[in-house]
Amino acid sequence: MVTNVSQNGKQLTISLTSSPVGWFQIQLFNNQEFVDIFDYCTSTMNSITCSLPSVGSCNSVSLWGSIGIGGPTVQKTSQFSCTVVAA
């Protein structure tokens, strides 16, 4: 489902295969610690773009969502190393 994650400064772009998922949690992980970045993101059928105030260390991005109302919950994780950018 996640095909690519790229970073341009404080902006992350998560490329997706087309699917009707309503995302409700988007997290950056650094080992066992995480930060929820959902409030900084907008999504389309093919991508999620996150404009962040700063970017800390991370080694993966995790998405949580559901397919339709009352549909099953899906979770997708992709390995990705953030480039640290201060506020």
Protein backbone atom coordinates (compact mmCIF):
# COMPACT_ATOMS: atom_id res chain seq x y z
CA MET A 1 0.00 0.00 0.00
CA VAL A 2 2.88 2.45 0.78
CA THR A 3 5.01 2.62 -2.37
CA ASN A 4 7.45 5.38 -1.39
CA VAL A 5 8.26 7.91 1.34
CA SER A 6 10.24 11.03 0.47
CA GLN A 7 11.31 14.12 2.37
CA ASN A 8 11.93 17.64 1.12
CA GLY A 9 12.93 19.76 4.11
CA LYS A 10 9.99 19.74 6.53
CA GLN A 11 7.60 18.15 4.04
CA LEU A 12 7.03 14.40 3.87
CA THR A 13 5.26 12.76 0.95
CA ILE A 14 3.94 9.24 1.37
CA SER A 15 3.02 7.67 -1.97
CA LEU A 16 0.27 5.04 -1.90
CA THR A 17 -1.42 2.58 -4.19
CA SER A 18 -4.96 3.78 -4.86
CA SER A 19 -7.37 2.57 -2.20
CA PRO A 20 -10.34 4.08 -0.39
CA VAL A 21 -8.80 4.22 3.09
CA GLY A 22 -9.73 6.89 5.62
CA TRP A 23 -6.53 7.53 7.57
CA PHE A 24 -6.94 8.46 11.23
CA GLN A 25 -3.38 8.11 12.54
CA ILE A 26 -0.05 8.87 10.87
CA GLN A 27 3.04 8.34 13.01
CA LEU A 28 6.80 8.72 12.73
CA PHE A 29 8.68 6.11 14.76
CA ASN A 30 12.20 6.27 16.17
CA ASN A 31 12.69 2.75 17.52
CA GLN A 32 9.91 2.42 20.16
CA GLU A 33 9.13 6.15 20.45
CA PHE A 34 6.64 7.81 18.12
CA VAL A 35 4.99 11.13 17.31
CA ASP A 36 1.57 11.41 15.69
CA ILE A 37 1.77 13.81 12.72
CA PHE A 38 -1.81 13.34 11.45
CA ASP A 39 -2.82 16.97 12.13
CA TYR A 40 -0.06 18.19 9.76
CA CYS A 41 -1.14 15.98 6.85
CA THR A 42 -3.54 16.06 3.93
CA SER A 43 -4.35 13.05 1.79
CA THR A 44 -5.59 12.08 -1.64
CA MET A 45 -6.22 8.61 -3.08
CA ASN A 46 -2.56 8.33 -4.14
CA SER A 47 -0.56 10.23 -1.53
CA ILE A 48 -0.33 11.82 1.89
CA THR A 49 1.55 15.11 2.23
CA CYS A 50 2.67 16.27 5.68
CA SER A 51 3.98 19.81 6.28
CA LEU A 52 5.74 19.58 9.64
CA PRO A 53 6.98 22.35 11.97
CA SER A 54 10.20 20.34 12.47
CA VAL A 55 11.46 16.83 11.75
CA GLY A 56 13.22 14.70 14.35
CA SER A 57 14.97 11.37 13.97
CA CYS A 58 12.84 8.54 12.67
CA ASN A 59 13.32 5.09 11.18
CA SER A 60 9.78 4.33 9.97
CA VAL A 61 6.37 5.80 9.21
CA SER A 62 3.17 4.05 10.25
CA LEU A 63 -0.36 4.61 8.92
CA TRP A 64 -3.62 3.53 10.59
CA GLY A 65 -6.95 3.78 8.82
CA SER A 66 -10.20 2.08 7.96
CA ILE A 67 -11.82 0.97 4.74
CA GLY A 68 -15.28 2.50 4.73
CA ILE A 69 -17.57 3.17 7.67
CA GLY A 70 -17.38 0.24 10.05
CA GLY A 71 -14.86 -1.47 7.80
CA PRO A 72 -11.74 -3.26 8.93
CA THR A 73 -8.82 -1.33 10.41
CA VAL A 74 -5.62 -1.39 8.34
CA GLN A 75 -2.09 -0.65 9.50
CA LYS A 76 0.84 -0.12 7.15
CA THR A 77 4.44 0.56 8.14
CA SER A 78 7.28 1.57 5.85
CA GLN A 79 10.95 1.87 6.75
CA PHE A 80 12.14 5.43 6.27
CA SER A 81 15.01 7.43 7.78
CA CYS A 82 14.15 11.09 8.40
CA THR A 83 16.64 13.87 7.82
CA VAL A 84 16.51 16.03 10.97
CA VAL A 85 15.29 19.60 10.33
CA ALA A 86 14.93 22.00 13.28
CA ALA A 87 12.00 24.38 13.69
